[in-house]
Amino acid sequence: SRSIFSINAMDWFRQAPGKQREFVARITKGGRTNYADSVKG
């Protein structure tokens, strides 16, 4: 709803039925990325 320029990082998570929410991917303010092993590549 507003600028994301100054937000430290933006993440994606996911939650499958009956499972805990899990980390998928992150992108930082500086553009660095990291991924869960299950989705890398």
All heavy atoms as atom14 arrays in JSON, in Angstrom:
{
  "sequence": "SRSIFSINAMDWFRQAPGKQREFVARITKGGRTNYADSVKG",
  "atom14_mask": [
    [1, 1, 1, 1, 1, 1, 0, 0, 0, 0, 0, 0, 0, 0],
    [1, 1, 1, 1, 1, 1, 1, 1, 1, 1, 1, 0, 0, 0],
    [1, 1, 1, 1, 1, 1, 0, 0, 0, 0, 0, 0, 0, 0],
    [1, 1, 1, 1, 1, 1, 1, 1, 0, 0, 0, 0, 0, 0],
    [1, 1, 1, 1, 1, 1, 1, 1, 1, 1, 1, 0, 0, 0],
    [1, 1, 1, 1, 1, 1, 0, 0, 0, 0, 0, 0, 0, 0],
    [1, 1, 1, 1, 1, 1, 1, 1, 0, 0, 0, 0, 0, 0],
    [1, 1, 1, 1, 1, 1, 1, 1, 0, 0, 0, 0, 0, 0],
    [1, 1, 1, 1, 1, 0, 0, 0, 0, 0, 0, 0, 0, 0],
    [1, 1, 1, 1, 1, 1, 1, 1, 0, 0, 0, 0, 0, 0],
    [1, 1, 1, 1, 1, 1, 1, 1, 0, 0, 0, 0, 0, 0],
    [1, 1, 1, 1, 1, 1, 1, 1, 1, 1, 1, 1, 1, 1],
    [1, 1, 1, 1, 1, 1, 1, 1, 1, 1, 1, 0, 0, 0],
    [1, 1, 1, 1, 1, 1, 1, 1, 1, 1, 1, 0, 0, 0],
    [1, 1, 1, 1, 1, 1, 1, 1, 1, 0, 0, 0, 0, 0],
    [1, 1, 1, 1, 1, 0, 0, 0, 0, 0, 0, 0, 0, 0],
    [1, 1, 1, 1, 1, 1, 1, 0, 0, 0, 0, 0, 0, 0],
    [1, 1, 1, 1, 0, 0, 0, 0, 0, 0, 0, 0, 0, 0],
    [1, 1, 1, 1, 1, 1, 1, 1, 1, 0, 0, 0, 0, 0],
    [1, 1, 1, 1, 1, 1, 1, 1, 1, 0, 0, 0, 0, 0],
    [1, 1, 1, 1, 1, 1, 1, 1, 1, 1, 1, 0, 0, 0],
    [1, 1, 1, 1, 1, 1, 1, 1, 1, 0, 0, 0, 0, 0],
    [1, 1, 1, 1, 1, 1, 1, 1, 1, 1, 1, 0, 0, 0],
    [1, 1, 1, 1, 1, 1, 1, 0, 0, 0, 0, 0, 0, 0],
    [1, 1, 1, 1, 1, 0, 0, 0, 0, 0, 0, 0, 0, 0],
    [1, 1, 1, 1, 1, 1, 1, 1, 1, 1, 1, 0, 0, 0],
    [1, 1, 1, 1, 1, 1, 1, 1, 0, 0, 0, 0, 0, 0],
    [1, 1, 1, 1, 1, 1, 1, 0, 0, 0, 0, 0, 0, 0],
    [1, 1, 1, 1, 1, 1, 1, 1, 1, 0, 0, 0, 0, 0],
    [1, 1, 1, 1, 0, 0, 0, 0, 0, 0, 0, 0, 0, 0],
    [1, 1, 1, 1, 0, 0, 0, 0, 0, 0, 0, 0, 0, 0],
    [1, 1, 1, 1, 1, 1, 1, 1, 1, 1, 1, 0, 0, 0],
    [1, 1, 1, 1, 1, 1, 1, 0, 0, 0, 0, 0, 0, 0],
    [1, 1, 1, 1, 1, 1, 1, 1, 0, 0, 0, 0, 0, 0],
    [1, 1, 1, 1, 1, 1, 1, 1, 1, 1, 1, 1, 0, 0],
    [1, 1, 1, 1, 1, 0, 0, 0, 0, 0, 0, 0, 0, 0],
    [1, 1, 1, 1, 1, 1, 1, 1, 0, 0, 0, 0, 0, 0],
    [1, 1, 1, 1, 1, 1, 0, 0, 0, 0, 0, 0, 0, 0],
    [1, 1, 1, 1, 1, 1, 1, 0, 0, 0, 0, 0, 0, 0],
    [1, 1, 1, 1, 1, 1, 1, 1, 1, 0, 0, 0, 0, 0],
    [1, 1, 1, 1, 0, 0, 0, 0, 0, 0, 0, 0, 0, 0]
  ],
  "atom14_positions": [
    [[0.82, -1.22, 0.0], [0.0, 0.0, 0.0], [0.84, 1.27, 0.0], [0.32, 2.36, -0.2], [-0.92, 0.01, 1.22], [-0.16, -0.06, 2.41], [0.0, 0.0, 0.0], [0.0, 0.0, 0.0], [0.0, 0.0, 0.0], [0.0, 0.0, 0.0], [0.0, 0.0, 0.0], [0.0, 0.0, 0.0], [0.0, 0.0, 0.0], [0.0, 0.0, 0.0]],
    [[2.13, 1.1, 0.23], [3.03, 2.25, 0.19], [4.39, 1.78, -0.28], [4.61, 0.6, -0.54], [3.13, 2.9, 1.58], [3.74, 2.02, 2.65], [4.15, 2.83, 3.86], [4.72, 2.05, 4.94], [5.96, 1.61, 4.98], [6.78, 1.84, 3.97], [6.39, 0.93, 6.03], [0.0, 0.0, 0.0], [0.0, 0.0, 0.0], [0.0, 0.0, 0.0]],
    [[5.33, 2.69, -0.34], [6.66, 2.37, -0.83], [7.31, 1.26, -0.01], [7.23, 1.26, 1.22], [7.53, 3.62, -0.79], [8.87, 3.29, -1.11], [0.0, 0.0, 0.0], [0.0, 0.0, 0.0], [0.0, 0.0, 0.0], [0.0, 0.0, 0.0], [0.0, 0.0, 0.0], [0.0, 0.0, 0.0], [0.0, 0.0, 0.0], [0.0, 0.0, 0.0]],
    [[7.94, 0.33, -0.72], [8.68, -0.74, -0.06], [10.17, -0.48, -0.07], [10.96, -1.3, 0.37], [8.38, -2.12, -0.69], [8.81, -2.13, -2.17], [6.92, -2.47, -0.55], [8.74, -3.51, -2.79], [0.0, 0.0, 0.0], [0.0, 0.0, 0.0], [0.0, 0.0, 0.0], [0.0, 0.0, 0.0], [0.0, 0.0, 0.0], [0.0, 0.0, 0.0]],
    [[10.56, 0.69, -0.59], [11.97, 0.99, -0.78], [12.76, 0.87, 0.52], [13.89, 0.38, 0.53], [12.12, 2.4, -1.35], [13.53, 2.8, -1.6], [14.21, 2.33, -2.72], [14.22, 3.64, -0.72], [15.53, 2.68, -2.95], [15.53, 3.99, -0.95], [16.18, 3.52, -2.08], [0.0, 0.0, 0.0], [0.0, 0.0, 0.0], [0.0, 0.0, 0.0]],
    [[12.16, 1.33, 1.62], [12.89, 1.36, 2.88], [12.64, 0.15, 3.77], [13.21, 0.06, 4.86], [12.53, 2.63, 3.65], [11.15, 2.63, 3.95], [0.0, 0.0, 0.0], [0.0, 0.0, 0.0], [0.0, 0.0, 0.0], [0.0, 0.0, 0.0], [0.0, 0.0, 0.0], [0.0, 0.0, 0.0], [0.0, 0.0, 0.0], [0.0, 0.0, 0.0]],
    [[11.82, -0.77, 3.31], [11.53, -1.96, 4.11], [12.74, -2.88, 4.08], [13.28, -3.17, 3.02], [10.27, -2.68, 3.61], [9.05, -1.77, 3.82], [10.08, -4.01, 4.32], [7.75, -2.35, 3.3], [0.0, 0.0, 0.0], [0.0, 0.0, 0.0], [0.0, 0.0, 0.0], [0.0, 0.0, 0.0], [0.0, 0.0, 0.0], [0.0, 0.0, 0.0]],
    [[13.17, -3.34, 5.25], [14.42, -4.11, 5.35], [14.44, -5.33, 4.45], [15.45, -5.63, 3.81], [14.65, -4.52, 6.8], [14.96, -3.33, 7.69], [15.5, -2.33, 7.23], [14.6, -3.43, 8.95], [0.0, 0.0, 0.0], [0.0, 0.0, 0.0], [0.0, 0.0, 0.0], [0.0, 0.0, 0.0], [0.0, 0.0, 0.0], [0.0, 0.0, 0.0]],
    [[13.35, -6.07, 4.45], [13.3, -7.27, 3.63], [11.84, -7.64, 3.37], [10.96, -7.32, 4.16], [14.01, -8.43, 4.31], [0.0, 0.0, 0.0], [0.0, 0.0, 0.0], [0.0, 0.0, 0.0], [0.0, 0.0, 0.0], [0.0, 0.0, 0.0], [0.0, 0.0, 0.0], [0.0, 0.0, 0.0], [0.0, 0.0, 0.0], [0.0, 0.0, 0.0]],
    [[11.64, -8.32, 2.26], [10.33, -8.85, 1.91], [10.47, -10.36, 1.74], [11.38, -10.82, 1.04], [9.82, -8.23, 0.61], [9.63, -6.71, 0.67], [8.24, -6.2, 1.69], [6.84, -6.85, 0.77], [0.0, 0.0, 0.0], [0.0, 0.0, 0.0], [0.0, 0.0, 0.0], [0.0, 0.0, 0.0], [0.0, 0.0, 0.0], [0.0, 0.0, 0.0]],
    [[9.59, -11.07, 2.38], [9.65, -12.53, 2.36], [8.41, -13.13, 1.71], [7.33, -12.52, 1.71], [9.71, -13.08, 3.8], [11.03, -12.86, 4.48], [11.94, -12.27, 3.87], [11.14, -13.28, 5.65], [0.0, 0.0, 0.0], [0.0, 0.0, 0.0], [0.0, 0.0, 0.0], [0.0, 0.0, 0.0], [0.0, 0.0, 0.0], [0.0, 0.0, 0.0]],
    [[8.58, -14.34, 1.23], [7.46, -15.21, 0.89], [7.53, -16.42, 1.82], [8.61, -17.01, 2.0], [7.53, -15.68, -0.56], [7.11, -14.64, -1.56], [7.91, -13.82, -2.28], [5.76, -14.32, -1.95], [7.16, -13.01, -3.09], [5.84, -13.3, -2.92], [4.5, -14.81, -1.59], [4.71, -12.75, -3.53], [3.38, -14.25, -2.2], [3.48, -13.24, -3.15]],
    [[6.38, -16.78, 2.36], [6.21, -17.99, 3.16], [5.08, -18.79, 2.53], [4.34, -18.29, 1.67], [5.81, -17.63, 4.6], [6.96, -17.27, 5.49], [7.63, -16.06, 5.35], [7.38, -18.13, 6.48], [8.69, -15.73, 6.18], [8.44, -17.81, 7.33], [9.09, -16.6, 7.16], [0.0, 0.0, 0.0], [0.0, 0.0, 0.0], [0.0, 0.0, 0.0]],
    [[4.95, -20.02, 2.96], [3.83, -20.83, 2.52], [3.38, -21.76, 3.64], [4.16, -22.08, 4.54], [4.17, -21.66, 1.27], [5.22, -22.73, 1.48], [5.6, -23.35, 0.15], [6.6, -24.41, 0.31], [7.19, -25.03, -0.71], [6.9, -24.68, -1.97], [8.08, -25.97, -0.49], [0.0, 0.0, 0.0], [0.0, 0.0, 0.0], [0.0, 0.0, 0.0]],
    [[2.12, -22.13, 3.58], [1.58, -23.04, 4.59], [0.68, -24.05, 3.9], [-0.34, -23.69, 3.3], [0.8, -22.28, 5.65], [0.35, -23.14, 6.81], [-0.11, -22.33, 7.99], [-0.42, -21.15, 7.89], [-0.14, -22.96, 9.16], [0.0, 0.0, 0.0], [0.0, 0.0, 0.0], [0.0, 0.0, 0.0], [0.0, 0.0, 0.0], [0.0, 0.0, 0.0]],
    [[1.09, -25.31, 3.98], [0.3, -26.41, 3.43], [-0.68, -26.89, 4.5], [-0.44, -26.7, 5.7], [1.21, -27.53, 2.98], [0.0, 0.0, 0.0], [0.0, 0.0, 0.0], [0.0, 0.0, 0.0], [0.0, 0.0, 0.0], [0.0, 0.0, 0.0], [0.0, 0.0, 0.0], [0.0, 0.0, 0.0], [0.0, 0.0, 0.0], [0.0, 0.0, 0.0]],
    [[-1.76, -27.55, 4.09], [-2.74, -28.03, 5.08], [-2.1, -28.94, 6.11], [-1.35, -29.87, 5.77], [-3.74, -28.81, 4.21], [-3.63, -28.2, 2.87], [-2.19, -27.8, 2.71], [0.0, 0.0, 0.0], [0.0, 0.0, 0.0], [0.0, 0.0, 0.0], [0.0, 0.0, 0.0], [0.0, 0.0, 0.0], [0.0, 0.0, 0.0], [0.0, 0.0, 0.0]],
    [[-2.36, -28.66, 7.37], [-1.84, -29.48, 8.44], [-0.38, -29.28, 8.76], [0.18, -30.0, 9.59], [0.0, 0.0, 0.0], [0.0, 0.0, 0.0], [0.0, 0.0, 0.0], [0.0, 0.0, 0.0], [0.0, 0.0, 0.0], [0.0, 0.0, 0.0], [0.0, 0.0, 0.0], [0.0, 0.0, 0.0], [0.0, 0.0, 0.0], [0.0, 0.0, 0.0]],
    [[0.26, -28.29, 8.12], [1.68, -28.05, 8.34], [1.91, -26.63, 8.84], [1.07, -25.76, 8.69], [2.47, -28.3, 7.06], [2.45, -29.73, 6.59], [3.41, -29.95, 5.43], [3.44, -31.39, 5.01], [4.4, -31.62, 3.88], [0.0, 0.0, 0.0], [0.0, 0.0, 0.0], [0.0, 0.0, 0.0], [0.0, 0.0, 0.0], [0.0, 0.0, 0.0]],
    [[3.09, -26.44, 9.39], [3.45, -25.1, 9.86], [3.82, -24.21, 8.67], [4.26, -24.71, 7.62], [4.63, -25.18, 10.83], [4.27, -25.78, 12.18], [5.4, -25.62, 13.18], [6.58, -25.58, 12.82], [5.06, -25.51, 14.46], [0.0, 0.0, 0.0], [0.0, 0.0, 0.0], [0.0, 0.0, 0.0], [0.0, 0.0, 0.0], [0.0, 0.0, 0.0]],
    [[3.67, -22.92, 8.88], [4.1, -21.97, 7.86], [5.61, -22.06, 7.72], [6.34, -22.13, 8.72], [3.68, -20.56, 8.25], [3.81, -19.54, 7.15], [3.16, -18.21, 7.55], [1.72, -18.35, 7.73], [0.91, -17.3, 7.88], [1.39, -16.07, 7.87], [-0.38, -17.5, 8.06], [0.0, 0.0, 0.0], [0.0, 0.0, 0.0], [0.0, 0.0, 0.0]],
    [[6.1, -22.09, 6.48], [7.53, -22.24, 6.25], [8.05, -21.15, 5.32], [7.34, -20.68, 4.42], [7.86, -23.62, 5.67], [7.29, -23.88, 4.29], [7.75, -25.21, 3.7], [8.47, -25.95, 4.37], [7.39, -25.48, 2.54], [0.0, 0.0, 0.0], [0.0, 0.0, 0.0], [0.0, 0.0, 0.0], [0.0, 0.0, 0.0], [0.0, 0.0, 0.0]],
    [[9.29, -20.8, 5.54], [9.98, -19.8, 4.73], [10.21, -20.32, 3.32], [10.57, -21.49, 3.12], [11.32, -19.45, 5.38], [12.21, -18.6, 4.54], [12.0, -17.24, 4.45], [13.27, -19.16, 3.83], [12.82, -16.45, 3.68], [14.1, -18.39, 3.06], [13.88, -17.02, 2.98], [0.0, 0.0, 0.0], [0.0, 0.0, 0.0], [0.0, 0.0, 0.0]],
    [[10.02, -19.43, 2.34], [10.25, -19.79, 0.94], [11.4, -18.97, 0.35], [12.35, -19.51, -0.2], [8.98, -19.59, 0.09], [9.27, -19.84, -1.39], [7.86, -20.49, 0.58], [0.0, 0.0, 0.0], [0.0, 0.0, 0.0], [0.0, 0.0, 0.0], [0.0, 0.0, 0.0], [0.0, 0.0, 0.0], [0.0, 0.0, 0.0], [0.0, 0.0, 0.0]],
    [[11.3, -17.63, 0.47], [12.3, -16.78, -0.17], [12.31, -15.41, 0.49], [11.32, -14.98, 1.07], [12.02, -16.64, -1.66], [0.0, 0.0, 0.0], [0.0, 0.0, 0.0], [0.0, 0.0, 0.0], [0.0, 0.0, 0.0], [0.0, 0.0, 0.0], [0.0, 0.0, 0.0], [0.0, 0.0, 0.0], [0.0, 0.0, 0.0], [0.0, 0.0, 0.0]],
    [[13.45, -14.73, 0.34], [13.62, -13.38, 0.88], [14.38, -12.53, -0.11], [15.31, -13.0, -0.79], [14.37, -13.4, 2.2], [14.82, -12.02, 2.7], [15.41, -12.09, 4.07], [14.35, -12.39, 5.05], [14.57, -12.59, 6.34], [15.8, -12.52, 6.81], [13.58, -12.85, 7.16], [0.0, 0.0, 0.0], [0.0, 0.0, 0.0], [0.0, 0.0, 0.0]],
    [[14.0, -11.25, -0.15], [14.79, -10.27, -0.87], [14.96, -9.08, 0.06], [13.99, -8.56, 0.63], [14.15, -9.87, -2.23], [15.1, -8.95, -3.0], [12.78, -9.24, -2.05], [14.74, -8.83, -4.48], [0.0, 0.0, 0.0], [0.0, 0.0, 0.0], [0.0, 0.0, 0.0], [0.0, 0.0, 0.0], [0.0, 0.0, 0.0], [0.0, 0.0, 0.0]],
    [[16.2, -8.64, 0.22], [16.49, -7.55, 1.14], [16.38, -6.2, 0.44], [16.24, -6.12, -0.79], [17.9, -7.68, 1.73], [18.85, -7.44, 0.68], [18.11, -9.04, 2.34], [0.0, 0.0, 0.0], [0.0, 0.0, 0.0], [0.0, 0.0, 0.0], [0.0, 0.0, 0.0], [0.0, 0.0, 0.0], [0.0, 0.0, 0.0], [0.0, 0.0, 0.0]],
    [[16.48, -5.15, 1.25], [16.44, -3.79, 0.71], [17.56, -3.6, -0.3], [17.39, -2.9, -1.3], [16.58, -2.82, 1.88], [16.51, -1.36, 1.5], [16.34, -0.49, 2.74], [17.4, -0.7, 3.78], [17.27, 0.24, 4.91], [0.0, 0.0, 0.0], [0.0, 0.0, 0.0], [0.0, 0.0, 0.0], [0.0, 0.0, 0.0], [0.0, 0.0, 0.0]],
    [[18.68, -4.28, -0.07], [19.81, -4.15, -0.98], [19.76, -5.08, -2.17], [20.66, -5.05, -3.02], [0.0, 0.0, 0.0], [0.0, 0.0, 0.0], [0.0, 0.0, 0.0], [0.0, 0.0, 0.0], [0.0, 0.0, 0.0], [0.0, 0.0, 0.0], [0.0, 0.0, 0.0], [0.0, 0.0, 0.0], [0.0, 0.0, 0.0], [0.0, 0.0, 0.0]],
    [[18.72, -5.91, -2.24], [18.57, -6.77, -3.39], [19.12, -8.18, -3.2], [19.07, -9.0, -4.12], [0.0, 0.0, 0.0], [0.0, 0.0, 0.0], [0.0, 0.0, 0.0], [0.0, 0.0, 0.0], [0.0, 0.0, 0.0], [0.0, 0.0, 0.0], [0.0, 0.0, 0.0], [0.0, 0.0, 0.0], [0.0, 0.0, 0.0], [0.0, 0.0, 0.0]],
    [[19.66, -8.47, -2.02], [20.13, -9.83, -1.78], [18.96, -10.78, -1.66], [17.92, -10.43, -1.11], [20.97, -9.89, -0.5], [22.31, -9.22, -0.61], [23.09, -9.4, 0.67], [24.4, -8.76, 0.62], [25.26, -8.76, 1.61], [24.96, -9.36, 2.76], [26.42, -8.15, 1.47], [0.0, 0.0, 0.0], [0.0, 0.0, 0.0], [0.0, 0.0, 0.0]],
    [[19.16, -11.99, -2.15], [18.09, -12.99, -2.09], [18.58, -14.25, -1.41], [19.78, -14.56, -1.44], [17.59, -13.35, -3.49], [18.68, -13.87, -4.27], [17.02, -12.13, -4.2], [0.0, 0.0, 0.0], [0.0, 0.0, 0.0], [0.0, 0.0, 0.0], [0.0, 0.0, 0.0], [0.0, 0.0, 0.0], [0.0, 0.0, 0.0], [0.0, 0.0, 0.0]],
    [[17.68, -14.96, -0.79], [17.96, -16.32, -0.35], [16.69, -17.13, -0.37], [15.58, -16.58, -0.37], [18.66, -16.37, 1.02], [17.83, -15.83, 2.14], [17.51, -14.65, 2.18], [17.45, -16.69, 3.07], [0.0, 0.0, 0.0], [0.0, 0.0, 0.0], [0.0, 0.0, 0.0], [0.0, 0.0, 0.0], [0.0, 0.0, 0.0], [0.0, 0.0, 0.0]],
    [[16.87, -18.44, -0.46], [15.77, -19.34, -0.73], [15.82, -20.57, 0.19], [16.9, -21.0, 0.61], [15.82, -19.83, -2.18], [15.72, -18.73, -3.2], [16.86, -18.09, -3.67], [14.48, -18.31, -3.67], [16.77, -17.07, -4.6], [14.38, -17.29, -4.6], [15.52, -16.67, -5.06], [15.42, -15.66, -5.99], [0.0, 0.0, 0.0], [0.0, 0.0, 0.0]],
    [[14.67, -21.14, 0.41], [14.62, -22.44, 1.06], [15.23, -23.47, 0.1], [15.11, -23.34, -1.13], [13.17, -22.82, 1.38], [0.0, 0.0, 0.0], [0.0, 0.0, 0.0], [0.0, 0.0, 0.0], [0.0, 0.0, 0.0], [0.0, 0.0, 0.0], [0.0, 0.0, 0.0], [0.0, 0.0, 0.0], [0.0, 0.0, 0.0], [0.0, 0.0, 0.0]],
    [[15.88, -24.47, 0.67], [16.51, -25.49, -0.17], [15.51, -26.15, -1.11], [15.84, -26.51, -2.24], [17.18, -26.55, 0.7], [18.43, -26.03, 1.38], [18.97, -24.99, 0.94], [18.88, -26.67, 2.35], [0.0, 0.0, 0.0], [0.0, 0.0, 0.0], [0.0, 0.0, 0.0], [0.0, 0.0, 0.0], [0.0, 0.0, 0.0], [0.0, 0.0, 0.0]],
    [[14.29, -26.28, -0.64], [13.28, -26.99, -1.42], [12.86, -26.26, -2.7], [12.27, -26.88, -3.58], [12.04, -27.24, -0.55], [11.5, -26.01, -0.09], [0.0, 0.0, 0.0], [0.0, 0.0, 0.0], [0.0, 0.0, 0.0], [0.0, 0.0, 0.0], [0.0, 0.0, 0.0], [0.0, 0.0, 0.0], [0.0, 0.0, 0.0], [0.0, 0.0, 0.0]],
    [[13.18, -24.97, -2.8], [12.75, -24.21, -3.99], [13.93, -23.64, -4.77], [13.73, -23.04, -5.83], [11.78, -23.07, -3.61], [10.61, -23.62, -2.81], [12.47, -21.95, -2.86], [0.0, 0.0, 0.0], [0.0, 0.0, 0.0], [0.0, 0.0, 0.0], [0.0, 0.0, 0.0], [0.0, 0.0, 0.0], [0.0, 0.0, 0.0], [0.0, 0.0, 0.0]],
    [[15.14, -23.8, -4.27], [16.3, -23.27, -4.98], [16.38, -23.81, -6.39], [16.2, -24.99, -6.63], [17.58, -23.64, -4.22], [17.92, -22.72, -3.07], [19.22, -23.15, -2.4], [19.51, -22.28, -1.19], [20.71, -22.74, -0.46], [0.0, 0.0, 0.0], [0.0, 0.0, 0.0], [0.0, 0.0, 0.0], [0.0, 0.0, 0.0], [0.0, 0.0, 0.0]],
    [[16.65, -22.89, -7.32], [16.76, -23.27, -8.71], [15.44, -23.32, -9.45], [15.42, -23.44, -10.68], [0.0, 0.0, 0.0], [0.0, 0.0, 0.0], [0.0, 0.0, 0.0], [0.0, 0.0, 0.0], [0.0, 0.0, 0.0], [0.0, 0.0, 0.0], [0.0, 0.0, 0.0], [0.0, 0.0, 0.0], [0.0, 0.0, 0.0], [0.0, 0.0, 0.0]]
  ]
}
